[in-house]
PDB file of N, CA and C in Angstrom:
ATOM      1  N   MET A   1     -46.622  71.894 -66.746  1.00  0.00           N
ATOM      2  CA  MET A   1     -47.790  71.390 -66.027  1.00  0.00           C
ATOM      3  C   MET A   1     -47.481  71.923 -64.631  1.00  0.00           C
ATOM      4  N   ALA A   2     -48.319  72.310 -63.902  1.00  0.00           N
ATOM      5  CA  ALA A   2     -48.203  72.946 -62.676  1.00  0.00           C
ATOM      6  C   ALA A   2     -48.941  72.047 -61.618  1.00  0.00           C
ATOM      7  N   GLY A   3     -48.648  71.925 -60.441  1.00  0.00           N
ATOM      8  CA  GLY A   3     -49.275  71.170 -59.191  1.00  0.00           C
ATOM      9  C   GLY A   3     -49.048  69.684 -59.252  1.00  0.00           C
ATOM     10  N   ALA A   4     -48.313  69.194 -60.111  1.00  0.00           N
ATOM     11  CA  ALA A   4     -48.179  67.664 -60.330  1.00  0.00           C
ATOM     12  C   ALA A   4     -47.499  67.267 -59.214  1.00  0.00           C
ATOM     13  N   GLY A   5     -46.591  67.882 -58.442  1.00  0.00           N
ATOM     14  CA  GLY A   5     -45.953  67.435 -57.276  1.00  0.00           C
ATOM     15  C   GLY A   5     -46.712  66.896 -56.223  1.00  0.00           C
ATOM     16  N   ALA A   6     -47.937  67.572 -56.190  1.00  0.00           N
ATOM     17  CA  ALA A   6     -48.796  67.260 -55.206  1.00  0.00           C
ATOM     18  C   ALA A   6     -49.187  65.614 -55.362  1.00  0.00           C
ATOM     19  N   LEU A   7     -49.024  65.170 -56.412  1.00  0.00           N
ATOM     20  CA  LEU A   7     -49.445  63.830 -56.842  1.00  0.00           C
ATOM     21  C   LEU A   7     -48.570  62.691 -56.205  1.00  0.00           C
ATOM     22  N   THR A   8     -47.261  63.211 -55.952  1.00  0.00           N
ATOM     23  CA  THR A   8     -46.306  62.308 -55.475  1.00  0.00           C
ATOM     24  C   THR A   8     -46.195  62.342 -53.917  1.00  0.00           C
ATOM     25  N   VAL A   9     -46.917  63.102 -53.369  1.00  0.00           N
ATOM     26  CA  VAL A   9     -46.923  63.173 -51.781  1.00  0.00           C
ATOM     27  C   VAL A   9     -47.381  61.678 -51.239  1.00  0.00           C
ATOM     28  N   GLY A  10     -46.682  61.218 -50.258  1.00  0.00           N
ATOM     29  CA  GLY A  10     -46.985  59.918 -49.772  1.00  0.00           C
ATOM     30  C   GLY A  10     -45.938  58.942 -50.186  1.00  0.00           C
ATOM     31  N   GLY A  11     -45.116  59.190 -51.154  1.00  0.00           N
ATOM     32  CA  GLY A  11     -44.130  58.369 -51.634  1.00  0.00           C
ATOM     33  C   GLY A  11     -44.658  57.203 -52.830  1.00  0.00           C
ATOM     34  N   GLY A  12     -45.973  57.085 -52.964  1.00  0.00           N
ATOM     35  CA  GLY A  12     -46.491  56.141 -53.832  1.00  0.00           C
ATOM     36  C   GLY A  12     -46.427  56.570 -55.237  1.00  0.00           C
ATOM     37  N   SER A  13     -46.484  55.693 -56.235  1.00  0.00           N
ATOM     38  CA  SER A  13     -46.552  56.149 -57.763  1.00  0.00           C
ATOM     39  C   SER A  13     -47.948  56.572 -58.048  1.00  0.00           C
ATOM     40  N   PRO A  14     -48.000  57.818 -58.672  1.00  0.00           N
ATOM     41  CA  PRO A  14     -49.315  58.313 -58.890  1.00  0.00           C
ATOM     42  C   PRO A  14     -49.757  57.797 -60.214  1.00  0.00           C
ATOM     43  N   GLU A  15     -48.984  56.781 -61.072  1.00  0.00           N
ATOM     44  CA  GLU A  15     -49.526  56.475 -62.213  1.00  0.00           C
ATOM     45  C   GLU A  15     -50.649  55.565 -62.107  1.00  0.00           C
ATOM     46  N   GLY A  16     -51.689  55.632 -62.814  1.00  0.00           N
ATOM     47  CA  GLY A  16     -52.779  54.875 -62.839  1.00  0.00           C
ATOM     48  C   GLY A  16     -53.922  55.437 -61.916  1.00  0.00           C
ATOM     49  N   THR A  17     -53.713  56.598 -61.297  1.00  0.00           N
ATOM     50  CA  THR A  17     -54.615  57.242 -60.451  1.00  0.00           C
ATOM     51  C   THR A  17     -55.565  58.156 -61.421  1.00  0.00           C
ATOM     52  N   ARG A  18     -56.461  58.626 -60.922  1.00  0.00           N
ATOM     53  CA  ARG A  18     -57.489  59.576 -61.740  1.00  0.00           C
ATOM     54  C   ARG A  18     -57.099  61.063 -61.248  1.00  0.00           C
ATOM     55  N   VAL A  19     -57.218  61.997 -62.254  1.00  0.00           N
ATOM     56  CA  VAL A  19     -57.004  63.423 -61.839  1.00  0.00           C
ATOM     57  C   VAL A  19     -57.889  64.049 -62.656  1.00  0.00           C
ATOM     58  N   ASP A  20     -58.283  65.534 -62.214  1.00  0.00           N
ATOM     59  CA  ASP A  20     -59.050  66.438 -62.810  1.00  0.00           C
ATOM     60  C   ASP A  20     -57.798  67.472 -63.463  1.00  0.00           C
ATOM     61  N   VAL A  21     -58.094  67.912 -64.652  1.00  0.00           N
ATOM     62  CA  VAL A  21     -57.288  68.706 -65.278  1.00  0.00           C
ATOM     63  C   VAL A  21     -57.991  70.258 -65.471  1.00  0.00           C
ATOM     64  N   VAL A  22     -57.212  71.176 -64.882  1.00  0.00           N
ATOM     65  CA  VAL A  22     -57.673  72.506 -64.816  1.00  0.00           C
ATOM     66  C   VAL A  22     -56.955  73.514 -65.610  1.00  0.00           C
ATOM     67  N   VAL A  23     -57.366  74.306 -66.493  1.00  0.00           N
ATOM     68  CA  VAL A  23     -56.563  75.179 -67.257  1.00  0.00           C
ATOM     69  C   VAL A  23     -57.129  76.617 -66.734  1.00  0.00           C
ATOM     70  N   SER A  24     -55.938  77.499 -66.555  1.00  0.00           N
ATOM     71  CA  SER A  24     -56.072  78.816 -66.042  1.00  0.00           C
ATOM     72  C   SER A  24     -55.408  79.724 -66.888  1.00  0.00           C
ATOM     73  N   ARG A  25     -55.693  81.092 -66.818  1.00  0.00           N
ATOM     74  CA  ARG A  25     -54.822  82.043 -67.281  1.00  0.00           C
ATOM     75  C   ARG A  25     -54.922  83.299 -66.400  1.00  0.00           C
ATOM     76  N   GLN A  26     -53.944  83.983 -66.242  1.00  0.00           N
ATOM     77  CA  GLN A  26     -53.775  85.205 -65.293  1.00  0.00           C
ATOM     78  C   GLN A  26     -54.479  86.254 -66.018  1.00  0.00           C
ATOM     79  N   ALA A  27     -54.904  87.332 -65.038  1.00  0.00           N
ATOM     80  CA  ALA A  27     -55.505  88.660 -65.727  1.00  0.00           C
ATOM     81  C   ALA A  27     -54.424  89.439 -66.473  1.00  0.00           C
ATOM     82  N   GLY A  28     -54.822  90.094 -67.419  1.00  0.00           N
ATOM     83  CA  GLY A  28     -53.857  90.889 -68.356  1.00  0.00           C
ATOM     84  C   GLY A  28     -54.618  92.035 -68.842  1.00  0.00           C
ATOM     85  N   LEU A  29     -53.970  92.647 -69.659  1.00  0.00           N
ATOM     86  CA  LEU A  29     -54.321  93.914 -70.348  1.00  0.00           C
ATOM     87  C   LEU A  29     -55.848  93.682 -70.786  1.00  0.00           C
ATOM     88  N   GLY A  30     -56.842  94.083 -70.435  1.00  0.00           N
ATOM     89  CA  GLY A  30     -58.226  94.154 -70.790  1.00  0.00           C
ATOM     90  C   GLY A  30     -58.737  92.840 -70.514  1.00  0.00           C
ATOM     91  N   ARG A  31     -58.336  91.845 -69.860  1.00  0.00           N
ATOM     92  CA  ARG A  31     -58.998  90.474 -69.793  1.00  0.00           C
ATOM     93  C   ARG A  31     -58.814  90.143 -68.172  1.00  0.00           C
ATOM     94  N   SER A  32     -59.881  89.407 -67.756  1.00  0.00           N
ATOM     95  CA  SER A  32     -59.922  88.911 -66.270  1.00  0.00           C
ATOM     96  C   SER A  32     -59.183  87.459 -66.306  1.00  0.00           C
ATOM     97  N   ALA A  33     -59.000  87.159 -65.078  1.00  0.00           N
ATOM     98  CA  ALA A  33     -58.452  85.855 -64.863  1.00  0.00           C
ATOM     99  C   ALA A  33     -59.645  84.913 -65.043  1.00  0.00           C
ATOM    100  N   GLU A  34     -59.129  83.726 -65.491  1.00  0.00           N
ATOM    101  CA  GLU A  34     -60.136  82.613 -65.606  1.00  0.00           C
ATOM    102  C   GLU A  34     -59.591  81.250 -65.280  1.00  0.00           C
ATOM    103  N   ALA A  35     -60.370  80.336 -64.941  1.00  0.00           N
ATOM    104  CA  ALA A  35     -59.996  78.964 -64.779  1.00  0.00           C
ATOM    105  C   ALA A  35     -61.252  78.170 -65.102  1.00  0.00           C
ATOM    106  N   ARG A  36     -60.803  76.902 -65.823  1.00  0.00           N
ATOM    107  CA  ARG A  36     -61.955  76.001 -66.229  1.00  0.00           C
ATOM    108  C   ARG A  36     -61.418  74.692 -66.139  1.00  0.00           C
ATOM    109  N   ILE A  37     -62.373  73.608 -65.955  1.00  0.00           N
ATOM    110  CA  ILE A  37     -62.151  72.322 -65.883  1.00  0.00           C
ATOM    111  C   ILE A  37     -62.043  71.764 -67.316  1.00  0.00           C
ATOM    112  N   ALA A  38     -60.858  71.309 -67.686  1.00  0.00           N
ATOM    113  CA  ALA A  38     -60.624  70.854 -68.951  1.00  0.00           C
ATOM    114  C   ALA A  38     -61.125  69.307 -69.173  1.00  0.00           C
ATOM    115  N   ALA A  39     -60.904  68.655 -68.080  1.00  0.00           N
ATOM    116  CA  ALA A  39     -61.162  67.131 -68.108  1.00  0.00           C
ATOM    117  C   ALA A  39     -61.198  66.608 -66.722  1.00  0.00           C
ATOM    118  N   THR A  40     -62.133  65.757 -66.380  1.00  0.00           N
ATOM    119  CA  THR A  40     -62.318  65.066 -64.983  1.00  0.00           C
ATOM    120  C   THR A  40     -62.132  63.661 -65.074  1.00  0.00           C
ATOM    121  N   GLY A  41     -61.570  63.064 -63.940  1.00  0.00           N
ATOM    122  CA  GLY A  41     -61.518  61.703 -63.992  1.00  0.00           C
ATOM    123  C   GLY A  41     -60.650  61.066 -64.935  1.00  0.00           C
ATOM    124  N   VAL A  42     -59.594  61.751 -65.375  1.00  0.00           N
ATOM    125  CA  VAL A  42     -58.817  61.255 -66.469  1.00  0.00           C
ATOM    126  C   VAL A  42     -57.615  60.434 -65.889  1.00  0.00           C
ATOM    127  N   LYS A  43     -57.263  59.372 -66.465  1.00  0.00           N
ATOM    128  CA  LYS A  43     -56.203  58.304 -65.993  1.00  0.00           C
ATOM    129  C   LYS A  43     -54.931  58.840 -66.293  1.00  0.00           C
ATOM    130  N   LEU A  44     -54.011  59.043 -65.150  1.00  0.00           N
ATOM    131  CA  LEU A  44     -52.727  59.483 -65.326  1.00  0.00           C
ATOM    132  C   LEU A  44     -51.780  58.316 -65.786  1.00  0.00           C
ATOM    133  N   LEU A  45     -51.237  58.326 -66.872  1.00  0.00           N
ATOM    134  CA  LEU A  45     -50.358  57.230 -67.531  1.00  0.00           C
ATOM    135  C   LEU A  45     -48.932  57.130 -66.920  1.00  0.00           C
ATOM    136  N   ALA A  46     -48.455  58.406 -66.985  1.00  0.00           N
ATOM    137  CA  ALA A  46     -47.107  58.687 -66.678  1.00  0.00           C
ATOM    138  C   ALA A  46     -46.879  60.065 -66.172  1.00  0.00           C
ATOM    139  N   LEU A  47     -45.738  60.226 -65.384  1.00  0.00           N
ATOM    140  CA  LEU A  47     -45.551  61.554 -64.664  1.00  0.00           C
ATOM    141  C   LEU A  47     -44.038  61.635 -64.553  1.00  0.00           C
ATOM    142  N   ARG A  48     -43.469  62.766 -65.117  1.00  0.00           N
ATOM    143  CA  ARG A  48     -41.965  62.884 -64.908  1.00  0.00           C
ATOM    144  C   ARG A  48     -41.723  64.225 -64.295  1.00  0.00           C
ATOM    145  N   SER A  49     -40.908  64.252 -63.407  1.00  0.00           N
ATOM    146  CA  SER A  49     -40.466  65.458 -62.729  1.00  0.00           C
ATOM    147  C   SER A  49     -39.686  66.463 -63.642  1.00  0.00           C
ATOM    148  N   PRO A  50     -39.638  67.773 -63.222  1.00  0.00           N
ATOM    149  CA  PRO A  50     -38.930  68.659 -64.184  1.00  0.00           C
ATOM    150  C   PRO A  50     -37.485  68.159 -64.262  1.00  0.00           C
ATOM    151  N   ALA A  51     -37.040  68.468 -65.549  1.00  0.00           N
ATOM    152  CA  ALA A  51     -35.695  68.204 -65.940  1.00  0.00           C
ATOM    153  C   ALA A  51     -34.715  69.035 -65.362  1.00  0.00           C
ATOM    154  N   GLY A  52     -34.990  70.427 -65.090  1.00  0.00           N
ATOM    155  CA  GLY A  52     -34.056  71.263 -64.497  1.00  0.00           C
ATOM    156  C   GLY A  52     -35.035  72.588 -63.980  1.00  0.00           C
ATOM    157  N   PRO A  53     -34.353  73.401 -63.385  1.00  0.00           N
ATOM    158  CA  PRO A  53     -34.732  74.690 -62.884  1.00  0.00           C
ATOM    159  C   PRO A  53     -35.723  75.410 -64.112  1.00  0.00           C
ATOM    160  N   GLY A  54     -36.700  75.830 -63.660  1.00  0.00           N
ATOM    161  CA  GLY A  54     -37.544  76.633 -64.669  1.00  0.00           C
ATOM    162  C   GLY A  54     -38.399  75.695 -65.582  1.00  0.00           C
ATOM    163  N   GLU A  55     -38.182  74.411 -65.325  1.00  0.00           N
ATOM    164  CA  GLU A  55     -38.949  73.379 -66.299  1.00  0.00           C
ATOM    165  C   GLU A  55     -40.210  72.959 -65.378  1.00  0.00           C
ATOM    166  N   GLY A  56     -41.181  72.471 -66.065  1.00  0.00           N
ATOM    167  CA  GLY A  56     -42.504  71.932 -65.504  1.00  0.00           C
ATOM    168  C   GLY A  56     -42.671  70.512 -65.486  1.00  0.00           C
ATOM    169  N   TRP A  57     -43.421  69.973 -64.941  1.00  0.00           N
ATOM    170  CA  TRP A  57     -43.882  68.619 -64.776  1.00  0.00           C
ATOM    171  C   TRP A  57     -44.262  68.184 -66.277  1.00  0.00           C
ATOM    172  N   THR A  58     -44.107  66.898 -66.665  1.00  0.00           N
ATOM    173  CA  THR A  58     -44.624  66.288 -67.820  1.00  0.00           C
ATOM    174  C   THR A  58     -45.496  65.107 -67.375  1.00  0.00           C
ATOM    175  N   ALA A  59     -46.691  65.273 -68.000  1.00  0.00           N
ATOM    176  CA  ALA A  59     -47.709  64.151 -67.711  1.00  0.00           C
ATOM    177  C   ALA A  59     -48.206  63.604 -68.982  1.00  0.00           C
ATOM    178  N   THR A  60     -48.407  62.189 -69.032  1.00  0.00           N
ATOM    179  CA  THR A  60     -49.311  61.486 -70.169  1.00  0.00           C
ATOM    180  C   THR A  60     -50.503  61.248 -69.413  1.00  0.00           C
ATOM    181  N   LEU A  61     -51.563  61.619 -70.180  1.00  0.00           N
ATOM    182  CA  LEU A  61     -52.853  61.529 -69.855  1.00  0.00           C
ATOM    183  C   LEU A  61     -53.584  60.593 -70.793  1.00  0.00           C
ATOM    184  N   ALA A  62     -54.714  59.739 -70.409  1.00  0.00           N
ATOM    185  CA  ALA A  62     -55.506  59.166 -71.190  1.00  0.00           C
ATOM    186  C   ALA A  62     -56.894  59.987 -71.461  1.00  0.00           C
ATOM    187  N   VAL A  63     -56.724  60.882 -72.426  1.00  0.00           N
ATOM    188  CA  VAL A  63     -57.888  61.817 -72.795  1.00  0.00           C
ATOM    189  C   VAL A  63     -58.427  61.530 -74.222  1.00  0.00           C
ATOM    190  N   THR A  64     -59.618  62.043 -74.312  1.00  0.00           N
ATOM    191  CA  THR A  64     -60.274  61.891 -75.656  1.00  0.00           C
ATOM    192  C   THR A  64     -59.464  62.876 -76.679  1.00  0.00           C
ATOM    193  N   GLU A  65     -59.778  62.567 -77.991  1.00  0.00           N
ATOM    194  CA  GLU A  65     -59.182  63.515 -79.023  1.00  0.00           C
ATOM    195  C   GLU A  65     -59.578  64.972 -78.743  1.00  0.00           C
ATOM    196  N   GLN A  66     -60.910  65.222 -78.474  1.00  0.00           N
ATOM    197  CA  GLN A  66     -61.261  66.595 -78.280  1.00  0.00           C
ATOM    198  C   GLN A  66     -60.454  67.167 -77.019  1.00  0.00           C
ATOM    199  N   GLN A  67     -60.375  66.465 -75.912  1.00  0.00           N
ATOM    200  CA  GLN A  67     -59.649  66.964 -74.761  1.00  0.00           C
ATOM    201  C   GLN A  67     -58.212  67.214 -75.002  1.00  0.00           C
ATOM    202  N   ALA A  68     -57.489  66.381 -75.874  1.00  0.00           N
ATOM    203  CA  ALA A  68     -56.160  66.497 -76.178  1.00  0.00           C
ATOM    204  C   ALA A  68     -56.024  67.844 -76.888  1.00  0.00           C
ATOM    205  N   LEU A  69     -56.947  68.077 -78.014  1.00  0.00           N
ATOM    206  CA  LEU A  69     -56.841  69.320 -78.788  1.00  0.00           C
ATOM    207  C   LEU A  69     -56.872  70.479 -78.003  1.00  0.00           C
ATOM    208  N   SER A  70     -57.889  70.452 -76.941  1.00  0.00           N
ATOM    209  CA  SER A  70     -58.101  71.449 -76.080  1.00  0.00           C
ATOM    210  C   SER A  70     -56.911  71.911 -75.209  1.00  0.00           C
ATOM    211  N   LEU A  71     -56.328  70.808 -74.746  1.00  0.00           N
ATOM    212  CA  LEU A  71     -55.059  71.117 -73.855  1.00  0.00           C
ATOM    213  C   LEU A  71     -53.959  71.525 -74.663  1.00  0.00           C
ATOM    214  N   ILE A  72     -53.805  71.036 -75.918  1.00  0.00           N
ATOM    215  CA  ILE A  72     -52.724  71.463 -76.823  1.00  0.00           C
ATOM    216  C   ILE A  72     -52.978  73.176 -77.154  1.00  0.00           C
ATOM    217  N   GLY A  73     -54.175  73.460 -77.317  1.00  0.00           N
ATOM    218  CA  GLY A  73     -54.347  74.810 -77.517  1.00  0.00           C
ATOM    219  C   GLY A  73     -53.958  75.694 -76.306  1.00  0.00           C
ATOM    220  N   ALA A  74     -54.420  75.046 -75.157  1.00  0.00           N
ATOM    221  CA  ALA A  74     -54.194  75.806 -73.812  1.00  0.00           C
ATOM    222  C   ALA A  74     -52.689  76.065 -73.659  1.00  0.00           C
ATOM    223  N   GLN A  75     -52.033  75.048 -73.849  1.00  0.00           N
ATOM    224  CA  GLN A  75     -50.689  75.046 -73.775  1.00  0.00           C
ATOM    225  C   GLN A  75     -49.859  76.144 -74.708  1.00  0.00           C
ATOM    226  N   SER A  76     -50.350  76.066 -75.882  1.00  0.00           N
ATOM    227  CA  SER A  76     -49.824  76.695 -77.029  1.00  0.00           C
ATOM    228  C   SER A  76     -50.222  78.388 -76.733  1.00  0.00           C
ATOM    229  N   ALA A  77     -51.223  78.598 -75.964  1.00  0.00           N
ATOM    230  CA  ALA A  77     -51.605  79.953 -75.608  1.00  0.00           C
ATOM    231  C   ALA A  77     -50.915  80.283 -74.293  1.00  0.00           C
ATOM    232  N   GLY A  78     -50.084  79.651 -73.773  1.00  0.00           N
ATOM    233  CA  GLY A  78     -49.434  79.995 -72.702  1.00  0.00           C
ATOM    234  C   GLY A  78     -50.146  79.869 -71.268  1.00  0.00           C
ATOM    235  N   ARG A  79     -51.283  79.157 -71.442  1.00  0.00           N
ATOM    236  CA  ARG A  79     -52.055  78.985 -70.243  1.00  0.00           C
ATOM    237  C   ARG A  79     -51.556  77.953 -69.252  1.00  0.00           C
ATOM    238  N   GLU A  80     -51.749  78.057 -67.932  1.00  0.00           N
ATOM    239  CA  GLU A  80     -51.393  77.072 -67.048  1.00  0.00           C
ATOM    240  C   GLU A  80     -52.228  75.944 -66.803  1.00  0.00           C
ATOM    241  N   ILE A  81     -51.559  74.646 -67.001  1.00  0.00           N
ATOM    242  CA  ILE A  81     -52.489  73.389 -67.067  1.00  0.00           C
ATOM    243  C   ILE A  81     -52.025  72.814 -65.692  1.00  0.00           C
ATOM    244  N   ARG A  82     -52.946  72.554 -64.888  1.00  0.00           N
ATOM    245  CA  ARG A  82     -52.804  71.849 -63.509  1.00  0.00           C
ATOM    246  C   ARG A  82     -53.475  70.709 -63.241  1.00  0.00           C
ATOM    247  N   LEU A  83     -52.870  69.638 -62.710  1.00  0.00           N
ATOM    248  CA  LEU A  83     -53.437  68.375 -62.350  1.00  0.00           C
ATOM    249  C   LEU A  83     -53.682  68.452 -60.762  1.00  0.00           C
ATOM    250  N   LEU A  84     -55.042  68.064 -60.637  1.00  0.00           N
ATOM    251  CA  LEU A  84     -55.617  67.939 -59.254  1.00  0.00           C
ATOM    252  C   LEU A  84     -55.858  66.542 -58.956  1.00  0.00           C
ATOM    253  N   PRO A  85     -55.404  66.127 -57.842  1.00  0.00           N
ATOM    254  CA  PRO A  85     -55.783  64.637 -57.468  1.00  0.00           C
ATOM    255  C   PRO A  85     -57.157  64.523 -57.286  1.00  0.00           C
ATOM    256  N   ARG A  86     -57.833  63.341 -57.630  1.00  0.00           N
ATOM    257  CA  ARG A  86     -59.440  63.147 -57.206  1.00  0.00           C
ATOM    258  C   ARG A  86     -59.444  62.508 -55.690  1.00  0.00           C
ATOM    259  N   PRO A  87     -60.384  62.852 -55.107  1.00  0.00           N
ATOM    260  CA  PRO A  87     -60.482  62.376 -53.593  1.00  0.00           C
ATOM    261  C   PRO A  87     -60.877  60.868 -53.795  1.00  0.00           C
TER     262      PRO A  87
END
């Protein structure tokens, strides 16, 4: 998970806040870059910082079954999943 560090700015706990989830992929051989919103206004239940170098953030989100399957597919395909704080 990328961008989750921005949720910790200000020192407060981000758990319980609402976030938007964006899935993107880089351009590659014969394909263009793309980004899409996978979920909006999702409740962030838990957030863990990376365990070590090269590791990503881990988030627990309150999503629907369909959203969960979409995010699992995106992660399996090597796409970047980013959390954006809601204003």
